[in-house]
Amino acid sequence: FENQKKTFLKKIDKSKKGDIDKEIISLVNKINKSKNYYTTSSCSGRIVLLMKKLGRKKGSKWIFSSHKKVNFKEIKKSLQNIPKQDVYFRFEPLILHVSAKTIEDAQRLVNSARDIGFKRTGIQSTKNRIVIEIASTEILNAIISRKGKLLVEDDYLKILIQEANKRLERTKEKIKEFYRRFIS
């Protein structure tokens, strides 16, 4: 476990963004400093406009992405040149993958995360690692454009933004609570 942890933490971040989200870096560092855990991937939660090829993640492209609250003007500006592909307004809550030293350590982390409200949390096992996926259920996903045409009125877009901002705030509160309760 110790060798895997050392090797993994030396690796370069391969995410689209290329580094750890500022909103979650304290939690990630706390987990990585513990003797029984280390993180393998993380996202603190984000609001995105996603251009999507039907049923494919690989062909998807971000038009807009923010780990902070957004406003109507930002979103509208990003929609000035609407692509022909479908565009989705999404809120994606925290997702965190953590490797645990033992199954008991994994179960402790799962219990703690669920107590805080990360309901979509469980243990996944790989060949050589015990991995915990910690996630929330506050996903928001709405198609807002098709064939280059906006499908929703401004009032509805404002409601989506308001709802996504609320969910992002809830996610941030859960992250703070998880940081506070985390005990290696």
Protein backbone atom coordinates (compact mmCIF):
# COMPACT_ATOMS: atom_id res chain seq x y z
CA PHE A 1 0.00 0.00 0.00
CA GLU A 2 2.76 2.46 0.95
CA ASN A 3 4.60 1.89 -2.36
CA GLN A 4 1.39 2.25 -4.38
CA LYS A 5 0.62 5.48 -2.54
CA LYS A 6 4.09 6.93 -3.14
CA THR A 7 4.02 5.99 -6.82
CA PHE A 8 0.49 7.27 -7.37
CA LEU A 9 1.03 10.62 -5.64
CA LYS A 10 4.10 11.28 -7.81
CA LYS A 11 2.08 10.90 -11.03
CA ILE A 12 1.11 13.89 -13.14
CA ASP A 13 -2.55 14.95 -13.00
CA LYS A 14 -4.19 13.67 -16.20
CA SER A 15 -7.54 15.43 -15.80
CA LYS A 16 -8.76 17.95 -18.41
CA LYS A 17 -8.15 20.73 -15.92
CA GLY A 18 -4.67 19.51 -15.03
CA ASP A 19 -4.73 20.17 -11.29
CA ILE A 20 -6.76 19.72 -8.11
CA ASP A 21 -9.76 22.03 -7.65
CA LYS A 22 -8.99 24.84 -5.22
CA GLU A 23 -12.26 24.15 -3.38
CA ILE A 24 -11.17 20.63 -2.44
CA ILE A 25 -7.38 20.84 -2.18
CA SER A 26 -7.36 21.03 1.66
CA LEU A 27 -9.43 17.85 1.91
CA VAL A 28 -7.31 16.05 -0.70
CA ASN A 29 -4.11 17.05 1.11
CA LYS A 30 -5.52 15.90 4.46
CA ILE A 31 -6.47 12.52 2.98
CA ASN A 32 -3.10 12.13 1.24
CA LYS A 33 -1.20 12.93 4.46
CA SER A 34 -3.01 10.16 6.32
CA LYS A 35 -1.35 6.76 6.65
CA ASN A 36 -4.38 4.70 5.56
CA TYR A 37 -5.66 6.58 2.51
CA TYR A 38 -4.76 8.48 -0.63
CA THR A 39 -6.84 10.10 -3.37
CA THR A 40 -6.75 8.83 -6.94
CA SER A 41 -9.08 11.43 -8.50
CA SER A 42 -11.28 14.31 -7.41
CA CYS A 43 -13.72 16.99 -8.51
CA SER A 44 -15.20 19.45 -6.02
CA GLY A 45 -18.39 19.88 -8.05
CA ARG A 46 -18.97 22.06 -11.08
CA ILE A 47 -21.50 23.79 -13.27
CA VAL A 48 -20.95 23.05 -16.95
CA LEU A 49 -22.34 23.55 -20.39
CA LEU A 50 -21.55 20.35 -22.22
CA MET A 51 -21.71 19.81 -25.96
CA LYS A 52 -22.53 16.16 -26.26
CA LYS A 53 -22.51 13.61 -29.02
CA LEU A 54 -25.44 11.31 -28.45
CA GLY A 55 -24.59 8.59 -25.94
CA ARG A 56 -20.85 9.27 -26.05
CA LYS A 57 -18.65 10.68 -23.34
CA LYS A 58 -15.57 10.66 -25.56
CA GLY A 59 -17.00 13.11 -28.11
CA SER A 60 -18.25 15.50 -25.43
CA LYS A 61 -16.73 18.95 -25.05
CA TRP A 62 -17.05 21.61 -22.38
CA ILE A 63 -18.35 24.94 -23.62
CA PHE A 64 -18.25 26.36 -20.10
CA SER A 65 -17.09 25.04 -16.73
CA SER A 66 -16.95 26.60 -13.27
CA HIS A 67 -16.28 25.29 -9.78
CA LYS A 68 -17.84 28.48 -8.42
CA LYS A 69 -21.34 29.93 -8.51
CA VAL A 70 -22.30 31.29 -11.92
CA ASN A 71 -24.58 34.05 -13.13
CA PHE A 72 -26.93 34.41 -16.06
CA LYS A 73 -24.60 36.69 -18.05
CA GLU A 74 -21.74 34.15 -17.94
CA ILE A 75 -23.97 31.37 -19.22
CA LYS A 76 -25.65 33.51 -21.89
CA LYS A 77 -22.25 34.68 -23.15
CA SER A 78 -21.10 31.07 -23.46
CA LEU A 79 -24.19 30.32 -25.55
CA GLN A 80 -23.60 33.07 -28.13
CA ASN A 81 -22.32 30.64 -30.76
CA ILE A 82 -24.45 27.59 -30.12
CA PRO A 83 -23.02 24.44 -31.72
CA LYS A 84 -25.11 22.05 -33.83
CA GLN A 85 -24.67 19.27 -31.27
CA ASP A 86 -26.93 19.00 -28.24
CA VAL A 87 -25.91 21.24 -25.35
CA TYR A 88 -26.64 20.28 -21.75
CA PHE A 89 -26.69 22.47 -18.67
CA ARG A 90 -25.28 20.32 -15.87
CA PHE A 91 -24.42 20.44 -12.24
CA GLU A 92 -22.01 17.67 -11.31
CA PRO A 93 -21.52 17.25 -7.54
CA LEU A 94 -18.35 16.19 -5.77
CA ILE A 95 -16.78 12.93 -6.81
CA LEU A 96 -13.76 11.63 -4.98
CA HIS A 97 -11.89 8.36 -5.38
CA VAL A 98 -9.83 7.28 -2.40
CA SER A 99 -7.63 4.22 -2.03
CA ALA A 100 -7.70 2.59 1.41
CA LYS A 101 -5.09 0.44 3.12
CA THR A 102 -7.60 -2.13 4.44
CA ILE A 103 -11.24 -3.01 3.91
CA GLU A 104 -11.93 -1.81 7.47
CA ASP A 105 -10.41 1.58 6.64
CA ALA A 106 -12.55 1.70 3.52
CA GLN A 107 -15.73 0.91 5.46
CA ARG A 108 -14.94 3.61 8.05
CA LEU A 109 -14.57 6.19 5.28
CA VAL A 110 -17.78 5.04 3.57
CA ASN A 111 -19.72 5.32 6.84
CA SER A 112 -18.36 8.80 7.52
CA ALA A 113 -19.12 10.03 3.99
CA ARG A 114 -22.67 8.65 4.08
CA ASP A 115 -23.30 10.22 7.50
CA ILE A 116 -22.43 13.61 6.00
CA GLY A 117 -24.81 13.09 3.08
CA PHE A 118 -22.65 11.66 0.30
CA LYS A 119 -25.30 9.05 -0.44
CA ARG A 120 -23.72 7.60 -3.58
CA THR A 121 -20.69 6.22 -1.77
CA GLY A 122 -19.33 2.70 -1.85
CA ILE A 123 -16.34 0.42 -2.02
CA GLN A 124 -14.98 -0.64 -5.37
CA SER A 125 -12.25 -3.21 -5.56
CA THR A 126 -9.62 -3.38 -8.24
CA LYS A 127 -6.85 -5.94 -8.75
CA ASN A 128 -4.41 -4.41 -6.30
CA ARG A 129 -6.37 -1.68 -4.55
CA ILE A 130 -9.40 -1.02 -2.42
CA VAL A 131 -11.02 2.13 -3.81
CA ILE A 132 -13.86 4.12 -2.30
CA GLU A 133 -16.00 6.28 -4.56
CA ILE A 134 -17.50 9.19 -2.65
CA ALA A 135 -20.20 11.04 -4.52
CA SER A 136 -23.34 13.01 -3.98
CA THR A 137 -26.75 12.73 -5.60
CA GLU A 138 -27.36 16.40 -6.40
CA ILE A 139 -26.87 15.93 -10.16
CA LEU A 140 -28.74 18.32 -12.45
CA ASN A 141 -28.85 17.62 -16.18
CA ALA A 142 -31.04 19.42 -18.72
CA ILE A 143 -30.79 19.67 -22.47
CA ILE A 144 -30.97 23.36 -23.41
CA SER A 145 -30.06 23.39 -27.10
CA ARG A 146 -30.43 21.18 -30.16
CA LYS A 147 -29.31 21.71 -33.76
CA GLY A 148 -27.97 25.17 -32.93
CA LYS A 149 -31.24 26.41 -31.42
CA LEU A 150 -31.77 27.31 -27.76
CA LEU A 151 -34.72 25.26 -26.47
CA VAL A 152 -35.35 27.17 -23.24
CA GLU A 153 -36.45 30.68 -22.34
CA ASP A 154 -34.22 32.97 -20.28
CA ASP A 155 -36.48 32.56 -17.23
CA TYR A 156 -35.99 28.79 -17.24
CA LEU A 157 -32.24 29.19 -17.74
CA LYS A 158 -32.18 31.49 -14.70
CA ILE A 159 -33.99 28.82 -12.66
CA LEU A 160 -31.45 26.18 -13.74
CA ILE A 161 -28.60 28.51 -12.73
CA GLN A 162 -30.22 29.27 -9.38
CA GLU A 163 -30.76 25.56 -8.68
CA ALA A 164 -27.20 24.63 -9.72
CA ASN A 165 -25.77 27.37 -7.48
CA LYS A 166 -27.81 26.03 -4.53
CA ARG A 167 -26.55 22.51 -5.14
CA LEU A 168 -22.97 23.73 -5.46
CA GLU A 169 -23.28 25.54 -2.14
CA ARG A 170 -24.67 22.38 -0.48
CA THR A 171 -21.77 20.39 -1.91
CA LYS A 172 -19.24 22.90 -0.52
CA GLU A 173 -20.83 22.61 2.93
CA LYS A 174 -20.53 18.82 2.77
CA ILE A 175 -16.86 19.12 1.76
CA LYS A 176 -16.19 21.35 4.79
CA GLU A 177 -17.96 18.88 7.07
CA PHE A 178 -16.06 15.94 5.56
CA TYR A 179 -12.77 17.79 6.14
CA ARG A 180 -13.76 18.51 9.74
CA ARG A 181 -14.72 14.89 10.46
CA PHE A 182 -11.93 13.16 8.53
CA ILE A 183 -9.75 11.12 10.84
CA SER A 184 -7.02 8.93 9.45
